[in-house]
Amino acid sequence: MKHGTLHILWLNDNPVTAELMVFMYATNALRQGWWENVHLIVWGATTKLLCESADMQKLVQRFLAEGGQVSACKRCAEKLNVLDKLEAIEGVKIFYIGERLTEIIKGTEKLITL
């Protein structure tokens, strides 16, 4: 039975955690139909990791290919001086995400933070 939307707030910039938890779960959640929608939110140090790691970018592309959504914090990218690199990653929506995160927290959709 599919459930609605799961948001994953990705904060941990450990590549092993990213590969073996964040992306493994997010991608399989879509493949297996555990969730109708999975939205990955890139925030903080993970912004820099994503911009500097070809492996992380490949994982994002696989996740997007399964129908996932990826958003990234524009302010984080600006502060970490990686906005140009982030903008070059196809499929990632970049915006000041604090207001949207607040809506998610106050709403009924599920949110996990890693």
PDB file of N, CA and C in Angstrom:
ATOM      1  N   MET A   1       0.834  -1.184   0.000  1.00  0.00           N
ATOM      2  CA  MET A   1       0.000   0.000   0.000  1.00  0.00           C
ATOM      3  C   MET A   1       0.880   1.249   0.000  1.00  0.00           C
ATOM      4  N   LYS A   2       0.682   2.092  -0.996  1.00  0.00           N
ATOM      5  CA  LYS A   2       1.464   3.321  -1.075  1.00  0.00           C
ATOM      6  C   LYS A   2       0.921   4.371  -0.122  1.00  0.00           C
ATOM      7  N   HIS A   3       1.826   5.117   0.429  1.00  0.00           N
ATOM      8  CA  HIS A   3       1.460   6.264   1.249  1.00  0.00           C
ATOM      9  C   HIS A   3       1.808   7.518   0.475  1.00  0.00           C
ATOM     10  N   GLY A   4       1.423   8.680   0.977  1.00  0.00           N
ATOM     11  CA  GLY A   4       1.604   9.959   0.307  1.00  0.00           C
ATOM     12  C   GLY A   4       3.041  10.353   0.054  1.00  0.00           C
ATOM     13  N   THR A   5       3.436  11.454   0.628  1.00  0.00           N
ATOM     14  CA  THR A   5       4.755  12.025   0.364  1.00  0.00           C
ATOM     15  C   THR A   5       5.659  11.914   1.581  1.00  0.00           C
ATOM     16  N   LEU A   6       6.891  11.514   1.319  1.00  0.00           N
ATOM     17  CA  LEU A   6       7.940  11.502   2.328  1.00  0.00           C
ATOM     18  C   LEU A   6       8.979  12.535   1.940  1.00  0.00           C
ATOM     19  N   HIS A   7       9.317  13.412   2.866  1.00  0.00           N
ATOM     20  CA  HIS A   7      10.398  14.379   2.683  1.00  0.00           C
ATOM     21  C   HIS A   7      11.586  13.894   3.500  1.00  0.00           C
ATOM     22  N   ILE A   8      12.753  13.897   2.893  1.00  0.00           N
ATOM     23  CA  ILE A   8      13.981  13.522   3.588  1.00  0.00           C
ATOM     24  C   ILE A   8      14.877  14.751   3.641  1.00  0.00           C
ATOM     25  N   LEU A   9      15.095  15.260   4.843  1.00  0.00           N
ATOM     26  CA  LEU A   9      15.987  16.397   5.054  1.00  0.00           C
ATOM     27  C   LEU A   9      17.387  15.827   5.254  1.00  0.00           C
ATOM     28  N   TRP A  10      18.224  15.978   4.226  1.00  0.00           N
ATOM     29  CA  TRP A  10      19.557  15.372   4.200  1.00  0.00           C
ATOM     30  C   TRP A  10      20.579  16.384   4.699  1.00  0.00           C
ATOM     31  N   LEU A  11      21.104  16.134   5.908  1.00  0.00           N
ATOM     32  CA  LEU A  11      22.054  17.041   6.555  1.00  0.00           C
ATOM     33  C   LEU A  11      23.433  16.425   6.755  1.00  0.00           C
ATOM     34  N   ASN A  12      23.499  15.103   6.838  1.00  0.00           N
ATOM     35  CA  ASN A  12      24.725  14.399   7.173  1.00  0.00           C
ATOM     36  C   ASN A  12      25.599  14.259   5.930  1.00  0.00           C
ATOM     37  N   ASP A  13      26.775  14.855   5.944  1.00  0.00           N
ATOM     38  CA  ASP A  13      27.630  14.845   4.755  1.00  0.00           C
ATOM     39  C   ASP A  13      28.583  13.649   4.700  1.00  0.00           C
ATOM     40  N   ASN A  14      28.287  12.618   5.469  1.00  0.00           N
ATOM     41  CA  ASN A  14      29.069  11.392   5.396  1.00  0.00           C
ATOM     42  C   ASN A  14      28.648  10.621   4.147  1.00  0.00           C
ATOM     43  N   PRO A  15      29.565  10.361   3.215  1.00  0.00           N
ATOM     44  CA  PRO A  15      29.195   9.696   1.965  1.00  0.00           C
ATOM     45  C   PRO A  15      28.652   8.278   2.158  1.00  0.00           C
ATOM     46  N   VAL A  16      29.132   7.568   3.183  1.00  0.00           N
ATOM     47  CA  VAL A  16      28.630   6.220   3.434  1.00  0.00           C
ATOM     48  C   VAL A  16      27.169   6.286   3.870  1.00  0.00           C
ATOM     49  N   THR A  17      26.863   7.200   4.773  1.00  0.00           N
ATOM     50  CA  THR A  17      25.479   7.381   5.204  1.00  0.00           C
ATOM     51  C   THR A  17      24.602   7.794   4.030  1.00  0.00           C
ATOM     52  N   ALA A  18      25.114   8.660   3.187  1.00  0.00           N
ATOM     53  CA  ALA A  18      24.350   9.102   2.021  1.00  0.00           C
ATOM     54  C   ALA A  18      24.026   7.927   1.110  1.00  0.00           C
ATOM     55  N   GLU A  19      25.029   7.132   0.783  1.00  0.00           N
ATOM     56  CA  GLU A  19      24.818   6.020  -0.135  1.00  0.00           C
ATOM     57  C   GLU A  19      23.982   4.907   0.472  1.00  0.00           C
ATOM     58  N   LEU A  20      24.341   4.496   1.697  1.00  0.00           N
ATOM     59  CA  LEU A  20      23.735   3.303   2.276  1.00  0.00           C
ATOM     60  C   LEU A  20      22.488   3.548   3.101  1.00  0.00           C
ATOM     61  N   MET A  21      22.103   4.792   3.278  1.00  0.00           N
ATOM     62  CA  MET A  21      20.831   5.049   3.945  1.00  0.00           C
ATOM     63  C   MET A  21      19.992   5.995   3.110  1.00  0.00           C
ATOM     64  N   VAL A  22      20.445   7.227   2.941  1.00  0.00           N
ATOM     65  CA  VAL A  22      19.628   8.239   2.280  1.00  0.00           C
ATOM     66  C   VAL A  22      19.194   7.771   0.895  1.00  0.00           C
ATOM     67  N   PHE A  23      20.151   7.500   0.029  1.00  0.00           N
ATOM     68  CA  PHE A  23      19.792   7.152  -1.347  1.00  0.00           C
ATOM     69  C   PHE A  23      19.256   5.727  -1.478  1.00  0.00           C
ATOM     70  N   MET A  24      19.784   4.800  -0.677  1.00  0.00           N
ATOM     71  CA  MET A  24      19.265   3.437  -0.756  1.00  0.00           C
ATOM     72  C   MET A  24      17.782   3.423  -0.391  1.00  0.00           C
ATOM     73  N   TYR A  25      17.444   4.063   0.719  1.00  0.00           N
ATOM     74  CA  TYR A  25      16.043   4.069   1.143  1.00  0.00           C
ATOM     75  C   TYR A  25      15.180   4.894   0.188  1.00  0.00           C
ATOM     76  N   ALA A  26      15.607   6.087  -0.136  1.00  0.00           N
ATOM     77  CA  ALA A  26      14.792   6.972  -0.980  1.00  0.00           C
ATOM     78  C   ALA A  26      14.491   6.336  -2.336  1.00  0.00           C
ATOM     79  N   THR A  27      15.495   5.757  -2.953  1.00  0.00           N
ATOM     80  CA  THR A  27      15.311   5.148  -4.267  1.00  0.00           C
ATOM     81  C   THR A  27      14.444   3.895  -4.178  1.00  0.00           C
ATOM     82  N   ASN A  28      14.711   3.052  -3.200  1.00  0.00           N
ATOM     83  CA  ASN A  28      13.908   1.838  -3.047  1.00  0.00           C
ATOM     84  C   ASN A  28      12.476   2.138  -2.622  1.00  0.00           C
ATOM     85  N   ALA A  29      12.279   3.205  -1.885  1.00  0.00           N
ATOM     86  CA  ALA A  29      10.922   3.590  -1.492  1.00  0.00           C
ATOM     87  C   ALA A  29      10.060   3.874  -2.721  1.00  0.00           C
ATOM     88  N   LEU A  30      10.668   4.442  -3.750  1.00  0.00           N
ATOM     89  CA  LEU A  30       9.944   4.679  -5.004  1.00  0.00           C
ATOM     90  C   LEU A  30       9.814   3.397  -5.821  1.00  0.00           C
ATOM     91  N   ARG A  31      10.904   2.662  -5.972  1.00  0.00           N
ATOM     92  CA  ARG A  31      10.888   1.412  -6.756  1.00  0.00           C
ATOM     93  C   ARG A  31       9.885   0.402  -6.200  1.00  0.00           C
ATOM     94  N   GLN A  32       9.849   0.306  -4.880  1.00  0.00           N
ATOM     95  CA  GLN A  32       8.993  -0.684  -4.231  1.00  0.00           C
ATOM     96  C   GLN A  32       7.577  -0.173  -3.980  1.00  0.00           C
ATOM     97  N   GLY A  33       7.350   1.116  -4.244  1.00  0.00           N
ATOM     98  CA  GLY A  33       6.019   1.669  -4.049  1.00  0.00           C
ATOM     99  C   GLY A  33       5.637   1.915  -2.597  1.00  0.00           C
ATOM    100  N   TRP A  34       6.635   2.082  -1.733  1.00  0.00           N
ATOM    101  CA  TRP A  34       6.348   2.341  -0.326  1.00  0.00           C
ATOM    102  C   TRP A  34       5.762   3.731  -0.141  1.00  0.00           C
ATOM    103  N   TRP A  35       6.174   4.658  -0.995  1.00  0.00           N
ATOM    104  CA  TRP A  35       5.684   6.036  -0.975  1.00  0.00           C
ATOM    105  C   TRP A  35       5.328   6.430  -2.401  1.00  0.00           C
ATOM    106  N   GLU A  36       4.305   7.251  -2.528  1.00  0.00           N
ATOM    107  CA  GLU A  36       3.951   7.777  -3.850  1.00  0.00           C
ATOM    108  C   GLU A  36       4.993   8.791  -4.309  1.00  0.00           C
ATOM    109  N   ASN A  37       5.436   9.618  -3.386  1.00  0.00           N
ATOM    110  CA  ASN A  37       6.410  10.675  -3.684  1.00  0.00           C
ATOM    111  C   ASN A  37       7.489  10.681  -2.619  1.00  0.00           C
ATOM    112  N   VAL A  38       8.725  10.871  -3.066  1.00  0.00           N
ATOM    113  CA  VAL A  38       9.842  11.046  -2.141  1.00  0.00           C
ATOM    114  C   VAL A  38      10.585  12.304  -2.582  1.00  0.00           C
ATOM    115  N   HIS A  39      10.760  13.205  -1.637  1.00  0.00           N
ATOM    116  CA  HIS A  39      11.385  14.504  -1.883  1.00  0.00           C
ATOM    117  C   HIS A  39      12.625  14.616  -0.995  1.00  0.00           C
ATOM    118  N   LEU A  40      13.771  14.740  -1.616  1.00  0.00           N
ATOM    119  CA  LEU A  40      15.036  14.890  -0.904  1.00  0.00           C
ATOM    120  C   LEU A  40      15.386  16.375  -0.823  1.00  0.00           C
ATOM    121  N   ILE A  41      15.642  16.842   0.397  1.00  0.00           N
ATOM    122  CA  ILE A  41      16.015  18.237   0.624  1.00  0.00           C
ATOM    123  C   ILE A  41      17.493  18.277   1.004  1.00  0.00           C
ATOM    124  N   VAL A  42      18.285  18.927   0.172  1.00  0.00           N
ATOM    125  CA  VAL A  42      19.729  19.048   0.387  1.00  0.00           C
ATOM    126  C   VAL A  42      19.969  20.336   1.174  1.00  0.00           C
ATOM    127  N   TRP A  43      20.601  20.197   2.340  1.00  0.00           N
ATOM    128  CA  TRP A  43      20.741  21.354   3.221  1.00  0.00           C
ATOM    129  C   TRP A  43      22.083  21.280   3.945  1.00  0.00           C
ATOM    130  N   GLY A  44      22.681  22.419   4.179  1.00  0.00           N
ATOM    131  CA  GLY A  44      23.918  22.475   4.956  1.00  0.00           C
ATOM    132  C   GLY A  44      25.092  21.845   4.229  1.00  0.00           C
ATOM    133  N   ALA A  45      25.887  21.086   4.976  1.00  0.00           N
ATOM    134  CA  ALA A  45      27.127  20.512   4.446  1.00  0.00           C
ATOM    135  C   ALA A  45      26.898  19.566   3.275  1.00  0.00           C
ATOM    136  N   THR A  46      25.701  18.970   3.185  1.00  0.00           N
ATOM    137  CA  THR A  46      25.435  18.065   2.069  1.00  0.00           C
ATOM    138  C   THR A  46      25.416  18.810   0.741  1.00  0.00           C
ATOM    139  N   THR A  47      25.163  20.089   0.783  1.00  0.00           N
ATOM    140  CA  THR A  47      25.195  20.901  -0.432  1.00  0.00           C
ATOM    141  C   THR A  47      26.585  20.841  -1.065  1.00  0.00           C
ATOM    142  N   LYS A  48      27.586  21.042  -0.247  1.00  0.00           N
ATOM    143  CA  LYS A  48      28.975  21.007  -0.739  1.00  0.00           C
ATOM    144  C   LYS A  48      29.364  19.596  -1.175  1.00  0.00           C
ATOM    145  N   LEU A  49      28.980  18.590  -0.391  1.00  0.00           N
ATOM    146  CA  LEU A  49      29.271  17.204  -0.753  1.00  0.00           C
ATOM    147  C   LEU A  49      28.687  16.875  -2.122  1.00  0.00           C
ATOM    148  N   LEU A  50      27.444  17.230  -2.338  1.00  0.00           N
ATOM    149  CA  LEU A  50      26.795  16.949  -3.611  1.00  0.00           C
ATOM    150  C   LEU A  50      27.520  17.638  -4.762  1.00  0.00           C
ATOM    151  N   CYS A  51      27.911  18.868  -4.559  1.00  0.00           N
ATOM    152  CA  CYS A  51      28.577  19.635  -5.626  1.00  0.00           C
ATOM    153  C   CYS A  51      29.971  19.107  -5.947  1.00  0.00           C
ATOM    154  N   GLU A  52      30.629  18.520  -4.978  1.00  0.00           N
ATOM    155  CA  GLU A  52      32.024  18.105  -5.163  1.00  0.00           C
ATOM    156  C   GLU A  52      32.198  16.613  -5.422  1.00  0.00           C
ATOM    157  N   SER A  53      31.125  15.844  -5.353  1.00  0.00           N
ATOM    158  CA  SER A  53      31.248  14.390  -5.492  1.00  0.00           C
ATOM    159  C   SER A  53      30.473  13.882  -6.704  1.00  0.00           C
ATOM    160  N   ALA A  54      31.204  13.373  -7.672  1.00  0.00           N
ATOM    161  CA  ALA A  54      30.555  12.774  -8.849  1.00  0.00           C
ATOM    162  C   ALA A  54      29.706  11.572  -8.444  1.00  0.00           C
ATOM    163  N   ASP A  55      30.145  10.825  -7.426  1.00  0.00           N
ATOM    164  CA  ASP A  55      29.366   9.674  -6.957  1.00  0.00           C
ATOM    165  C   ASP A  55      28.012  10.116  -6.408  1.00  0.00           C
ATOM    166  N   MET A  56      27.988  11.191  -5.620  1.00  0.00           N
ATOM    167  CA  MET A  56      26.724  11.692  -5.074  1.00  0.00           C
ATOM    168  C   MET A  56      25.818  12.197  -6.202  1.00  0.00           C
ATOM    169  N   GLN A  57      26.416  12.840  -7.183  1.00  0.00           N
ATOM    170  CA  GLN A  57      25.630  13.334  -8.316  1.00  0.00           C
ATOM    171  C   GLN A  57      25.000  12.180  -9.094  1.00  0.00           C
ATOM    172  N   LYS A  58      25.723  11.069  -9.235  1.00  0.00           N
ATOM    173  CA  LYS A  58      25.158   9.885  -9.894  1.00  0.00           C
ATOM    174  C   LYS A  58      23.994   9.320  -9.093  1.00  0.00           C
ATOM    175  N   LEU A  59      24.129   9.293  -7.771  1.00  0.00           N
ATOM    176  CA  LEU A  59      23.043   8.810  -6.921  1.00  0.00           C
ATOM    177  C   LEU A  59      21.812   9.701  -7.047  1.00  0.00           C
ATOM    178  N   VAL A  60      22.032  10.999  -7.119  1.00  0.00           N
ATOM    179  CA  VAL A  60      20.910  11.924  -7.322  1.00  0.00           C
ATOM    180  C   VAL A  60      20.233  11.647  -8.651  1.00  0.00           C
ATOM    181  N   GLN A  61      21.005  11.437  -9.693  1.00  0.00           N
ATOM    182  CA  GLN A  61      20.418  11.191 -11.013  1.00  0.00           C
ATOM    183  C   GLN A  61      19.621   9.885 -11.030  1.00  0.00           C
ATOM    184  N   ARG A  62      20.111   8.853 -10.370  1.00  0.00           N
ATOM    185  CA  ARG A  62      19.359   7.588 -10.280  1.00  0.00           C
ATOM    186  C   ARG A  62      18.052   7.785  -9.526  1.00  0.00           C
ATOM    187  N   PHE A  63      18.122   8.536  -8.437  1.00  0.00           N
ATOM    188  CA  PHE A  63      16.930   8.828  -7.637  1.00  0.00           C
ATOM    189  C   PHE A  63      15.914   9.613  -8.470  1.00  0.00           C
ATOM    190  N   LEU A  64      16.381  10.621  -9.184  1.00  0.00           N
ATOM    191  CA  LEU A  64      15.489  11.402 -10.049  1.00  0.00           C
ATOM    192  C   LEU A  64      14.880  10.530 -11.139  1.00  0.00           C
ATOM    193  N   ALA A  65      15.662   9.611 -11.681  1.00  0.00           N
ATOM    194  CA  ALA A  65      15.175   8.714 -12.735  1.00  0.00           C
ATOM    195  C   ALA A  65      14.054   7.803 -12.234  1.00  0.00           C
ATOM    196  N   GLU A  66      14.034   7.529 -10.935  1.00  0.00           N
ATOM    197  CA  GLU A  66      12.971   6.717 -10.341  1.00  0.00           C
ATOM    198  C   GLU A  66      11.721   7.547 -10.043  1.00  0.00           C
ATOM    199  N   GLY A  67      11.813   8.855 -10.271  1.00  0.00           N
ATOM    200  CA  GLY A  67      10.660   9.719 -10.026  1.00  0.00           C
ATOM    201  C   GLY A  67      10.753  10.574  -8.783  1.00  0.00           C
ATOM    202  N   GLY A  68      11.915  10.560  -8.128  1.00  0.00           N
ATOM    203  CA  GLY A  68      12.101  11.386  -6.941  1.00  0.00           C
ATOM    204  C   GLY A  68      12.241  12.857  -7.279  1.00  0.00           C
ATOM    205  N   GLN A  69      12.139  13.663  -6.247  1.00  0.00           N
ATOM    206  CA  GLN A  69      12.304  15.110  -6.372  1.00  0.00           C
ATOM    207  C   GLN A  69      13.455  15.542  -5.468  1.00  0.00           C
ATOM    208  N   VAL A  70      14.248  16.495  -5.944  1.00  0.00           N
ATOM    209  CA  VAL A  70      15.364  16.997  -5.154  1.00  0.00           C
ATOM    210  C   VAL A  70      15.306  18.518  -5.133  1.00  0.00           C
ATOM    211  N   SER A  71      15.348  19.064  -3.919  1.00  0.00           N
ATOM    212  CA  SER A  71      15.436  20.506  -3.721  1.00  0.00           C
ATOM    213  C   SER A  71      16.687  20.795  -2.910  1.00  0.00           C
ATOM    214  N   ALA A  72      17.272  21.965  -3.131  1.00  0.00           N
ATOM    215  CA  ALA A  72      18.479  22.345  -2.394  1.00  0.00           C
ATOM    216  C   ALA A  72      18.353  23.775  -1.898  1.00  0.00           C
ATOM    217  N   CYS A  73      18.958  24.012  -0.762  1.00  0.00           N
ATOM    218  CA  CYS A  73      18.927  25.325  -0.129  1.00  0.00           C
ATOM    219  C   CYS A  73      19.871  26.300  -0.846  1.00  0.00           C
ATOM    220  N   LYS A  74      19.288  27.324  -1.413  1.00  0.00           N
ATOM    221  CA  LYS A  74      20.080  28.321  -2.136  1.00  0.00           C
ATOM    222  C   LYS A  74      21.028  29.072  -1.196  1.00  0.00           C
ATOM    223  N   ARG A  75      20.555  29.407  -0.005  1.00  0.00           N
ATOM    224  CA  ARG A  75      21.406  30.137   0.947  1.00  0.00           C
ATOM    225  C   ARG A  75      22.628  29.300   1.316  1.00  0.00           C
ATOM    226  N   CYS A  76      22.443  28.002   1.516  1.00  0.00           N
ATOM    227  CA  CYS A  76      23.584  27.131   1.831  1.00  0.00           C
ATOM    228  C   CYS A  76      24.593  27.155   0.692  1.00  0.00           C
ATOM    229  N   ALA A  77      24.097  27.040  -0.536  1.00  0.00           N
ATOM    230  CA  ALA A  77      24.985  27.045  -1.702  1.00  0.00           C
ATOM    231  C   ALA A  77      25.736  28.365  -1.811  1.00  0.00           C
ATOM    232  N   GLU A  78      25.060  29.462  -1.519  1.00  0.00           N
ATOM    233  CA  GLU A  78      25.724  30.778  -1.556  1.00  0.00           C
ATOM    234  C   GLU A  78      26.802  30.860  -0.476  1.00  0.00           C
ATOM    235  N   LYS A  79      26.468  30.458   0.740  1.00  0.00           N
ATOM    236  CA  LYS A  79      27.417  30.536   1.853  1.00  0.00           C
ATOM    237  C   LYS A  79      28.633  29.632   1.628  1.00  0.00           C
ATOM    238  N   LEU A  80      28.416  28.492   0.975  1.00  0.00           N
ATOM    239  CA  LEU A  80      29.497  27.538   0.737  1.00  0.00           C
ATOM    240  C   LEU A  80      30.203  27.767  -0.601  1.00  0.00           C
ATOM    241  N   ASN A  81      29.806  28.823  -1.301  1.00  0.00           N
ATOM    242  CA  ASN A  81      30.407  29.194  -2.591  1.00  0.00           C
ATOM    243  C   ASN A  81      30.344  28.072  -3.629  1.00  0.00           C
ATOM    244  N   VAL A  82      29.185  27.403  -3.703  1.00  0.00           N
ATOM    245  CA  VAL A  82      29.014  26.320  -4.676  1.00  0.00           C
ATOM    246  C   VAL A  82      27.744  26.482  -5.511  1.00  0.00           C
ATOM    247  N   LEU A  83      27.169  27.667  -5.524  1.00  0.00           N
ATOM    248  CA  LEU A  83      25.907  27.864  -6.241  1.00  0.00           C
ATOM    249  C   LEU A  83      26.042  27.518  -7.719  1.00  0.00           C
ATOM    250  N   ASP A  84      27.118  27.943  -8.366  1.00  0.00           N
ATOM    251  CA  ASP A  84      27.303  27.635  -9.791  1.00  0.00           C
ATOM    252  C   ASP A  84      27.364  26.124 -10.024  1.00  0.00           C
ATOM    253  N   LYS A  85      28.073  25.427  -9.148  1.00  0.00           N
ATOM    254  CA  LYS A  85      28.179  23.974  -9.280  1.00  0.00           C
ATOM    255  C   LYS A  85      26.822  23.304  -9.056  1.00  0.00           C
ATOM    256  N   LEU A  86      26.078  23.804  -8.082  1.00  0.00           N
ATOM    257  CA  LEU A  86      24.765  23.247  -7.789  1.00  0.00           C
ATOM    258  C   LEU A  86      23.800  23.470  -8.951  1.00  0.00           C
ATOM    259  N   GLU A  87      23.857  24.646  -9.530  1.00  0.00           N
ATOM    260  CA  GLU A  87      22.990  24.952 -10.667  1.00  0.00           C
ATOM    261  C   GLU A  87      23.282  24.061 -11.873  1.00  0.00           C
ATOM    262  N   ALA A  88      24.481  23.518 -11.943  1.00  0.00           N
ATOM    263  CA  ALA A  88      24.867  22.656 -13.068  1.00  0.00           C
ATOM    264  C   ALA A  88      24.360  21.225 -12.922  1.00  0.00           C
ATOM    265  N   ILE A  89      23.827  20.872 -11.754  1.00  0.00           N
ATOM    266  CA  ILE A  89      23.331  19.515 -11.533  1.00  0.00           C
ATOM    267  C   ILE A  89      21.885  19.448 -12.013  1.00  0.00           C
ATOM    268  N   GLU A  90      21.678  18.687 -13.061  1.00  0.00           N
ATOM    269  CA  GLU A  90      20.369  18.604 -13.697  1.00  0.00           C
ATOM    270  C   GLU A  90      19.317  18.019 -12.750  1.00  0.00           C
ATOM    271  N   GLY A  91      18.165  18.666 -12.725  1.00  0.00           N
ATOM    272  CA  GLY A  91      17.024  18.145 -11.986  1.00  0.00           C
ATOM    273  C   GLY A  91      16.890  18.632 -10.561  1.00  0.00           C
ATOM    274  N   VAL A  92      17.878  19.359 -10.048  1.00  0.00           N
ATOM    275  CA  VAL A  92      17.822  19.856  -8.673  1.00  0.00           C
ATOM    276  C   VAL A  92      17.183  21.242  -8.675  1.00  0.00           C
ATOM    277  N   LYS A  93      16.116  21.392  -7.895  1.00  0.00           N
ATOM    278  CA  LYS A  93      15.454  22.692  -7.755  1.00  0.00           C
ATOM    279  C   LYS A  93      16.133  23.440  -6.617  1.00  0.00           C
ATOM    280  N   ILE A  94      16.543  24.673  -6.881  1.00  0.00           N
ATOM    281  CA  ILE A  94      17.305  25.458  -5.913  1.00  0.00           C
ATOM    282  C   ILE A  94      16.500  26.693  -5.534  1.00  0.00           C
ATOM    283  N   PHE A  95      16.267  26.856  -4.234  1.00  0.00           N
ATOM    284  CA  PHE A  95      15.560  28.044  -3.757  1.00  0.00           C
ATOM    285  C   PHE A  95      15.812  28.208  -2.260  1.00  0.00           C
ATOM    286  N   TYR A  96      15.418  29.370  -1.724  1.00  0.00           N
ATOM    287  CA  TYR A  96      15.521  29.599  -0.285  1.00  0.00           C
ATOM    288  C   TYR A  96      14.419  28.753   0.350  1.00  0.00           C
ATOM    289  N   ILE A  97      14.795  27.693   1.008  1.00  0.00           N
ATOM    290  CA  ILE A  97      13.866  26.621   1.323  1.00  0.00           C
ATOM    291  C   ILE A  97      13.279  26.672   2.736  1.00  0.00           C
ATOM    292  N   GLY A  98      13.696  27.618   3.551  1.00  0.00           N
ATOM    293  CA  GLY A  98      13.222  27.681   4.939  1.00  0.00           C
ATOM    294  C   GLY A  98      11.712  27.737   5.076  1.00  0.00           C
ATOM    295  N   GLU A  99      11.063  28.538   4.261  1.00  0.00           N
ATOM    296  CA  GLU A  99       9.609  28.649   4.343  1.00  0.00           C
ATOM    297  C   GLU A  99       8.933  27.329   3.975  1.00  0.00           C
ATOM    298  N   ARG A 100       9.434  26.673   2.923  1.00  0.00           N
ATOM    299  CA  ARG A 100       8.851  25.386   2.514  1.00  0.00           C
ATOM    300  C   ARG A 100       9.062  24.331   3.585  1.00  0.00           C
ATOM    301  N   LEU A 101      10.241  24.313   4.210  1.00  0.00           N
ATOM    302  CA  LEU A 101      10.487  23.357   5.286  1.00  0.00           C
ATOM    303  C   LEU A 101       9.525  23.596   6.444  1.00  0.00           C
ATOM    304  N   THR A 102       9.273  24.835   6.762  1.00  0.00           N
ATOM    305  CA  THR A 102       8.322  25.163   7.832  1.00  0.00           C
ATOM    306  C   THR A 102       6.932  24.638   7.496  1.00  0.00           C
ATOM    307  N   GLU A 103       6.504  24.785   6.254  1.00  0.00           N
ATOM    308  CA  GLU A 103       5.206  24.251   5.824  1.00  0.00           C
ATOM    309  C   GLU A 103       5.154  22.735   5.990  1.00  0.00           C
ATOM    310  N   ILE A 104       6.242  22.076   5.629  1.00  0.00           N
ATOM    311  CA  ILE A 104       6.304  20.615   5.759  1.00  0.00           C
ATOM    312  C   ILE A 104       6.186  20.215   7.228  1.00  0.00           C
ATOM    313  N   ILE A 105       6.942  20.879   8.087  1.00  0.00           N
ATOM    314  CA  ILE A 105       6.925  20.561   9.518  1.00  0.00           C
ATOM    315  C   ILE A 105       5.542  20.777  10.105  1.00  0.00           C
ATOM    316  N   LYS A 106       4.876  21.848   9.714  1.00  0.00           N
ATOM    317  CA  LYS A 106       3.549  22.161  10.249  1.00  0.00           C
ATOM    318  C   LYS A 106       2.444  21.320   9.621  1.00  0.00           C
ATOM    319  N   GLY A 107       2.739  20.697   8.481  1.00  0.00           N
ATOM    320  CA  GLY A 107       1.724  19.959   7.739  1.00  0.00           C
ATOM    321  C   GLY A 107       1.589  18.518   8.182  1.00  0.00           C
ATOM    322  N   THR A 108       0.940  17.745   7.327  1.00  0.00           N
ATOM    323  CA  THR A 108       0.656  16.337   7.634  1.00  0.00           C
ATOM    324  C   THR A 108       1.571  15.367   6.909  1.00  0.00           C
ATOM    325  N   GLU A 109       2.373  15.837   5.968  1.00  0.00           N
ATOM    326  CA  GLU A 109       3.290  14.953   5.258  1.00  0.00           C
ATOM    327  C   GLU A 109       4.429  14.532   6.191  1.00  0.00           C
ATOM    328  N   LYS A 110       5.002  13.392   5.893  1.00  0.00           N
ATOM    329  CA  LYS A 110       6.073  12.834   6.743  1.00  0.00           C
ATOM    330  C   LYS A 110       7.420  13.455   6.408  1.00  0.00           C
ATOM    331  N   LEU A 111       8.232  13.660   7.445  1.00  0.00           N
ATOM    332  CA  LEU A 111       9.569  14.206   7.307  1.00  0.00           C
ATOM    333  C   LEU A 111      10.520  13.389   8.163  1.00  0.00           C
ATOM    334  N   ILE A 112      11.623  12.952   7.556  1.00  0.00           N
ATOM    335  CA  ILE A 112      12.705  12.368   8.345  1.00  0.00           C
ATOM    336  C   ILE A 112      13.958  13.206   8.103  1.00  0.00           C
ATOM    337  N   THR A 113      14.798  13.275   9.113  1.00  0.00           N
ATOM    338  CA  THR A 113      16.013  14.073   9.046  1.00  0.00           C
ATOM    339  C   THR A 113      17.210  13.170   9.269  1.00  0.00           C
ATOM    340  N   LEU A 114      18.164  13.255   8.350  1.00  0.00           N
ATOM    341  CA  LEU A 114      19.361  12.428   8.435  1.00  0.00           C
ATOM    342  C   LEU A 114      20.601  13.282   8.268  1.00  0.00           C
TER     343      LEU A 114
END
